[in-house]
Amino acid sequence: MTTAAALHADLTRVLPAGPDWACSARHLMEVLRTTAGIAYRFPRAAFGVPALVLDTAADALIAVVEALDTENPPAPDYQLLALPAFRLAALHETRGALHRALAGDDGAEHLLDTLELLTDPNGFGILVPGLTPAGALRDLDRILAVLDLDLPAARMLAATHLAGRPHTPAARTALAQVTAAWCAIGIST
């Protein structure tokens, strides 16, 4: 597969069905979407990544929120999400920009200023009172830990579910392995 084709592929991700692991996704999406809007207005400002990357990362978080908000989840223990690879890449680029901003990199100074305006540990943030830029990065790291989980067991679980055989011994074994991986990264189910 070429690099260009890989960036357009949909990646099927297995997510914990309970929304607790991604409870901050909606807030992060709002912060990234607003930051992208500001970055579009000031294209020469140092946001660490282009506005389109921030916008695309927000779209990825919307997909996570929508997957977890479905009224009829496909399984009681997990949820499937088809996420385009370019959206996952945008989340990683945004994470890198947040790291650089928090480290004081001049190439991301406006990103930090904007995040501090939108969030505030003293409860005065415009969008998410009580959240800090470092807290936003921790929340994004937690979400990415689940989205990056690409085990053979996760692929097996997705395949058996999509084939209409989610209760086979192979599917149960795969679910046990995926659940153990979630627990290993601090996600309880």
C-alpha atoms as a PDB file:
ATOM      1  CA  MET A   1       0.000   0.000   0.000  1.00  0.00           C
ATOM      2  CA  THR A   2       1.389   3.402  -0.902  1.00  0.00           C
ATOM      3  CA  THR A   3       1.752   6.142   1.683  1.00  0.00           C
ATOM      4  CA  ALA A   4      -1.018   8.159   0.024  1.00  0.00           C
ATOM      5  CA  ALA A   5      -3.345   5.149   0.066  1.00  0.00           C
ATOM      6  CA  ALA A   6      -2.493   4.468   3.720  1.00  0.00           C
ATOM      7  CA  LEU A   7      -3.506   8.001   4.662  1.00  0.00           C
ATOM      8  CA  HIS A   8      -6.939   7.520   3.118  1.00  0.00           C
ATOM      9  CA  ALA A   9      -7.655   4.114   4.604  1.00  0.00           C
ATOM     10  CA  ASP A  10     -10.295   3.705   7.260  1.00  0.00           C
ATOM     11  CA  LEU A  11      -8.897   2.141  10.395  1.00  0.00           C
ATOM     12  CA  THR A  12     -11.395   0.073  12.330  1.00  0.00           C
ATOM     13  CA  ARG A  13     -10.817   0.712  16.024  1.00  0.00           C
ATOM     14  CA  VAL A  14     -12.269  -1.181  18.950  1.00  0.00           C
ATOM     15  CA  LEU A  15     -13.294   1.195  21.740  1.00  0.00           C
ATOM     16  CA  PRO A  16     -14.495   0.490  25.270  1.00  0.00           C
ATOM     17  CA  ALA A  17     -18.298   0.781  25.210  1.00  0.00           C
ATOM     18  CA  GLY A  18     -18.456   2.884  28.366  1.00  0.00           C
ATOM     19  CA  PRO A  19     -17.884   6.594  27.695  1.00  0.00           C
ATOM     20  CA  ASP A  20     -15.810   7.239  30.846  1.00  0.00           C
ATOM     21  CA  TRP A  21     -12.467   6.742  29.083  1.00  0.00           C
ATOM     22  CA  ALA A  22     -13.316   9.532  26.643  1.00  0.00           C
ATOM     23  CA  CYS A  23     -15.451  11.808  28.816  1.00  0.00           C
ATOM     24  CA  SER A  24     -13.301  14.791  27.839  1.00  0.00           C
ATOM     25  CA  ALA A  25     -13.518  14.176  24.076  1.00  0.00           C
ATOM     26  CA  ARG A  26     -16.440  16.578  23.632  1.00  0.00           C
ATOM     27  CA  HIS A  27     -14.628  19.378  25.500  1.00  0.00           C
ATOM     28  CA  LEU A  28     -11.398  18.753  23.613  1.00  0.00           C
ATOM     29  CA  MET A  29     -13.296  18.812  20.336  1.00  0.00           C
ATOM     30  CA  GLU A  30     -14.770  22.212  21.209  1.00  0.00           C
ATOM     31  CA  VAL A  31     -11.374  23.584  22.220  1.00  0.00           C
ATOM     32  CA  LEU A  32      -9.679  22.291  19.059  1.00  0.00           C
ATOM     33  CA  ARG A  33     -12.493  23.492  16.792  1.00  0.00           C
ATOM     34  CA  THR A  34     -12.369  26.988  18.342  1.00  0.00           C
ATOM     35  CA  THR A  35      -8.569  27.043  18.204  1.00  0.00           C
ATOM     36  CA  ALA A  36      -8.736  26.052  14.531  1.00  0.00           C
ATOM     37  CA  GLY A  37     -11.152  28.912  13.872  1.00  0.00           C
ATOM     38  CA  ILE A  38      -8.729  31.351  15.464  1.00  0.00           C
ATOM     39  CA  ALA A  39      -5.802  29.836  13.556  1.00  0.00           C
ATOM     40  CA  TYR A  40      -7.710  30.269  10.272  1.00  0.00           C
ATOM     41  CA  ARG A  41      -8.170  33.957  11.084  1.00  0.00           C
ATOM     42  CA  PHE A  42      -4.477  34.438  11.924  1.00  0.00           C
ATOM     43  CA  PRO A  43      -2.655  32.157   9.476  1.00  0.00           C
ATOM     44  CA  ARG A  44       0.791  33.613  10.210  1.00  0.00           C
ATOM     45  CA  ALA A  45       0.516  33.078  13.960  1.00  0.00           C
ATOM     46  CA  ALA A  46       2.521  30.282  15.586  1.00  0.00           C
ATOM     47  CA  PHE A  47       0.040  27.497  16.385  1.00  0.00           C
ATOM     48  CA  GLY A  48       2.504  24.648  15.852  1.00  0.00           C
ATOM     49  CA  VAL A  49       0.292  23.047  13.194  1.00  0.00           C
ATOM     50  CA  PRO A  50      -1.910  24.420  10.405  1.00  0.00           C
ATOM     51  CA  ALA A  51      -5.511  25.273  11.222  1.00  0.00           C
ATOM     52  CA  LEU A  52      -6.691  22.415   9.006  1.00  0.00           C
ATOM     53  CA  VAL A  53      -4.844  19.905  11.192  1.00  0.00           C
ATOM     54  CA  LEU A  54      -6.579  21.249  14.323  1.00  0.00           C
ATOM     55  CA  ASP A  55      -9.921  21.131  12.507  1.00  0.00           C
ATOM     56  CA  THR A  56      -9.297  17.551  11.354  1.00  0.00           C
ATOM     57  CA  ALA A  57      -8.290  16.503  14.888  1.00  0.00           C
ATOM     58  CA  ALA A  58     -11.579  17.973  16.132  1.00  0.00           C
ATOM     59  CA  ASP A  59     -13.400  15.899  13.500  1.00  0.00           C
ATOM     60  CA  ALA A  60     -11.688  12.760  14.834  1.00  0.00           C
ATOM     61  CA  LEU A  61     -12.908  13.564  18.337  1.00  0.00           C
ATOM     62  CA  ILE A  62     -16.431  14.133  17.002  1.00  0.00           C
ATOM     63  CA  ALA A  63     -16.289  10.630  15.511  1.00  0.00           C
ATOM     64  CA  VAL A  64     -15.309   9.221  18.924  1.00  0.00           C
ATOM     65  CA  VAL A  65     -18.134  11.095  20.660  1.00  0.00           C
ATOM     66  CA  GLU A  66     -20.674   9.981  18.073  1.00  0.00           C
ATOM     67  CA  ALA A  67     -19.524   6.363  18.297  1.00  0.00           C
ATOM     68  CA  LEU A  68     -19.988   6.385  22.058  1.00  0.00           C
ATOM     69  CA  ASP A  69     -23.311   8.249  21.937  1.00  0.00           C
ATOM     70  CA  THR A  70     -25.123   5.673  19.827  1.00  0.00           C
ATOM     71  CA  GLU A  71     -28.322   4.394  21.379  1.00  0.00           C
ATOM     72  CA  ASN A  72     -27.815   0.829  20.183  1.00  0.00           C
ATOM     73  CA  PRO A  73     -24.174  -0.163  20.630  1.00  0.00           C
ATOM     74  CA  PRO A  74     -23.189  -3.250  18.644  1.00  0.00           C
ATOM     75  CA  ALA A  75     -21.872  -5.018  21.744  1.00  0.00           C
ATOM     76  CA  PRO A  76     -22.149  -4.445  25.496  1.00  0.00           C
ATOM     77  CA  ASP A  77     -18.361  -4.413  26.046  1.00  0.00           C
ATOM     78  CA  TYR A  78     -16.996  -2.580  23.040  1.00  0.00           C
ATOM     79  CA  GLN A  79     -17.817  -0.219  20.224  1.00  0.00           C
ATOM     80  CA  LEU A  80     -16.410  -0.170  16.693  1.00  0.00           C
ATOM     81  CA  LEU A  81     -15.201   3.016  15.031  1.00  0.00           C
ATOM     82  CA  ALA A  82     -14.055   3.385  11.425  1.00  0.00           C
ATOM     83  CA  LEU A  83     -11.585   6.250  11.656  1.00  0.00           C
ATOM     84  CA  PRO A  84      -9.774   7.548   8.577  1.00  0.00           C
ATOM     85  CA  ALA A  85      -6.012   7.351   9.020  1.00  0.00           C
ATOM     86  CA  PHE A  86      -5.585  11.051   8.207  1.00  0.00           C
ATOM     87  CA  ARG A  87      -7.788  11.968  11.182  1.00  0.00           C
ATOM     88  CA  LEU A  88      -5.718   9.812  13.507  1.00  0.00           C
ATOM     89  CA  ALA A  89      -2.588  11.434  12.059  1.00  0.00           C
ATOM     90  CA  ALA A  90      -4.088  14.882  12.747  1.00  0.00           C
ATOM     91  CA  LEU A  91      -4.659  13.925  16.386  1.00  0.00           C
ATOM     92  CA  HIS A  92      -0.998  12.930  16.638  1.00  0.00           C
ATOM     93  CA  GLU A  93       0.174  16.151  14.989  1.00  0.00           C
ATOM     94  CA  THR A  94      -2.018  18.149  17.367  1.00  0.00           C
ATOM     95  CA  ARG A  95      -0.613  16.217  20.319  1.00  0.00           C
ATOM     96  CA  GLY A  96       2.907  17.076  19.138  1.00  0.00           C
ATOM     97  CA  ALA A  97       1.985  20.758  18.840  1.00  0.00           C
ATOM     98  CA  LEU A  98       0.532  20.709  22.370  1.00  0.00           C
ATOM     99  CA  HIS A  99       3.756  19.178  23.678  1.00  0.00           C
ATOM    100  CA  ARG A 100       5.801  21.868  21.942  1.00  0.00           C
ATOM    101  CA  ALA A 101       3.504  24.630  23.197  1.00  0.00           C
ATOM    102  CA  LEU A 102       3.764  23.434  26.787  1.00  0.00           C
ATOM    103  CA  ALA A 103       7.564  23.213  26.423  1.00  0.00           C
ATOM    104  CA  GLY A 104       7.638  26.890  25.412  1.00  0.00           C
ATOM    105  CA  ASP A 105       8.468  26.381  21.727  1.00  0.00           C
ATOM    106  CA  ASP A 106       8.222  29.683  19.861  1.00  0.00           C
ATOM    107  CA  GLY A 107       6.615  27.859  16.945  1.00  0.00           C
ATOM    108  CA  ALA A 108       3.538  27.102  19.064  1.00  0.00           C
ATOM    109  CA  GLU A 109       3.235  30.133  21.317  1.00  0.00           C
ATOM    110  CA  HIS A 110      -0.168  31.193  19.998  1.00  0.00           C
ATOM    111  CA  LEU A 111      -1.489  27.691  20.551  1.00  0.00           C
ATOM    112  CA  LEU A 112      -0.612  27.926  24.242  1.00  0.00           C
ATOM    113  CA  ASP A 113      -2.053  31.452  24.518  1.00  0.00           C
ATOM    114  CA  THR A 114      -5.292  30.320  22.880  1.00  0.00           C
ATOM    115  CA  LEU A 115      -5.568  27.226  25.073  1.00  0.00           C
ATOM    116  CA  GLU A 116      -5.001  29.313  28.190  1.00  0.00           C
ATOM    117  CA  LEU A 117      -7.774  31.651  27.061  1.00  0.00           C
ATOM    118  CA  LEU A 118     -10.219  28.830  26.315  1.00  0.00           C
ATOM    119  CA  THR A 119      -9.347  26.840  29.431  1.00  0.00           C
ATOM    120  CA  ASP A 120      -8.422  28.080  32.877  1.00  0.00           C
ATOM    121  CA  PRO A 121      -7.623  26.126  36.057  1.00  0.00           C
ATOM    122  CA  ASN A 122      -9.321  28.864  38.087  1.00  0.00           C
ATOM    123  CA  GLY A 123     -12.648  28.270  36.373  1.00  0.00           C
ATOM    124  CA  PHE A 124     -12.611  31.343  34.132  1.00  0.00           C
ATOM    125  CA  GLY A 125     -12.018  29.619  30.806  1.00  0.00           C
ATOM    126  CA  ILE A 126     -14.274  30.624  27.953  1.00  0.00           C
ATOM    127  CA  LEU A 127     -15.102  27.070  26.827  1.00  0.00           C
ATOM    128  CA  VAL A 128     -13.957  24.638  29.496  1.00  0.00           C
ATOM    129  CA  PRO A 129     -13.561  26.177  32.941  1.00  0.00           C
ATOM    130  CA  GLY A 130     -11.227  24.203  35.170  1.00  0.00           C
ATOM    131  CA  LEU A 131      -9.243  22.556  32.358  1.00  0.00           C
ATOM    132  CA  THR A 132      -5.593  23.441  31.812  1.00  0.00           C
ATOM    133  CA  PRO A 133      -3.543  23.074  28.636  1.00  0.00           C
ATOM    134  CA  ALA A 134      -1.577  20.302  30.399  1.00  0.00           C
ATOM    135  CA  GLY A 135      -4.882  18.643  31.345  1.00  0.00           C
ATOM    136  CA  ALA A 136      -6.032  18.859  27.728  1.00  0.00           C
ATOM    137  CA  LEU A 137      -2.818  17.116  26.675  1.00  0.00           C
ATOM    138  CA  ARG A 138      -3.335  14.373  29.285  1.00  0.00           C
ATOM    139  CA  ASP A 139      -6.897  13.847  28.072  1.00  0.00           C
ATOM    140  CA  LEU A 140      -5.752  13.686  24.455  1.00  0.00           C
ATOM    141  CA  ASP A 141      -3.028  11.194  25.415  1.00  0.00           C
ATOM    142  CA  ARG A 142      -5.657   8.991  27.060  1.00  0.00           C
ATOM    143  CA  ILE A 143      -7.893   9.044  23.994  1.00  0.00           C
ATOM    144  CA  LEU A 144      -4.962   8.357  21.677  1.00  0.00           C
ATOM    145  CA  ALA A 145      -3.865   5.427  23.843  1.00  0.00           C
ATOM    146  CA  VAL A 146      -7.160   3.722  22.981  1.00  0.00           C
ATOM    147  CA  LEU A 147      -7.229   4.803  19.329  1.00  0.00           C
ATOM    148  CA  ASP A 148      -3.643   3.646  18.799  1.00  0.00           C
ATOM    149  CA  LEU A 149      -4.351   0.191  20.181  1.00  0.00           C
ATOM    150  CA  ASP A 150      -3.763  -1.929  17.100  1.00  0.00           C
ATOM    151  CA  LEU A 151      -3.397  -5.456  18.391  1.00  0.00           C
ATOM    152  CA  PRO A 152      -4.079  -8.555  16.324  1.00  0.00           C
ATOM    153  CA  ALA A 153      -6.760  -9.299  18.935  1.00  0.00           C
ATOM    154  CA  ALA A 154      -8.479  -5.971  18.231  1.00  0.00           C
ATOM    155  CA  ARG A 155      -8.461  -6.671  14.514  1.00  0.00           C
ATOM    156  CA  MET A 156      -9.808 -10.191  15.175  1.00  0.00           C
ATOM    157  CA  LEU A 157     -12.590  -8.814  17.383  1.00  0.00           C
ATOM    158  CA  ALA A 158     -13.592  -6.262  14.750  1.00  0.00           C
ATOM    159  CA  ALA A 159     -13.502  -8.883  11.993  1.00  0.00           C
ATOM    160  CA  THR A 160     -15.606 -11.412  13.898  1.00  0.00           C
ATOM    161  CA  HIS A 161     -18.118  -8.714  14.793  1.00  0.00           C
ATOM    162  CA  LEU A 162     -18.380  -7.439  11.228  1.00  0.00           C
ATOM    163  CA  ALA A 163     -18.750 -11.030  10.000  1.00  0.00           C
ATOM    164  CA  GLY A 164     -21.717 -11.459  12.347  1.00  0.00           C
ATOM    165  CA  ARG A 165     -19.948 -13.904  14.669  1.00  0.00           C
ATOM    166  CA  PRO A 166     -19.224 -11.872  17.831  1.00  0.00           C
ATOM    167  CA  HIS A 167     -19.857 -14.822  20.196  1.00  0.00           C
ATOM    168  CA  THR A 168     -17.380 -17.339  18.835  1.00  0.00           C
ATOM    169  CA  PRO A 169     -14.543 -18.621  21.047  1.00  0.00           C
ATOM    170  CA  ALA A 170     -12.067 -16.624  18.946  1.00  0.00           C
ATOM    171  CA  ALA A 171     -14.079 -13.436  19.503  1.00  0.00           C
ATOM    172  CA  ARG A 172     -14.299 -14.055  23.261  1.00  0.00           C
ATOM    173  CA  THR A 173     -10.543 -14.661  23.447  1.00  0.00           C
ATOM    174  CA  ALA A 174      -9.874 -11.523  21.408  1.00  0.00           C
ATOM    175  CA  LEU A 175     -12.170  -9.475  23.666  1.00  0.00           C
ATOM    176  CA  ALA A 176     -10.337 -10.751  26.746  1.00  0.00           C
ATOM    177  CA  GLN A 177      -6.996  -9.718  25.219  1.00  0.00           C
ATOM    178  CA  VAL A 178      -8.294  -6.281  24.200  1.00  0.00           C
ATOM    179  CA  THR A 179      -9.823  -5.735  27.641  1.00  0.00           C
ATOM    180  CA  ALA A 180      -6.481  -6.670  29.256  1.00  0.00           C
ATOM    181  CA  ALA A 181      -4.732  -4.155  26.978  1.00  0.00           C
ATOM    182  CA  TRP A 182      -7.212  -1.450  27.993  1.00  0.00           C
ATOM    183  CA  CYS A 183      -6.607  -2.228  31.654  1.00  0.00           C
ATOM    184  CA  ALA A 184      -2.846  -2.071  31.067  1.00  0.00           C
ATOM    185  CA  ILE A 185      -3.174   1.531  29.831  1.00  0.00           C
ATOM    186  CA  GLY A 186      -5.467   2.491  32.695  1.00  0.00           C
ATOM    187  CA  ILE A 187      -8.850   2.155  31.014  1.00  0.00           C
ATOM    188  CA  SER A 188     -11.401   0.209  33.038  1.00  0.00           C
ATOM    189  CA  THR A 189     -14.374  -1.383  31.337  1.00  0.00           C
END
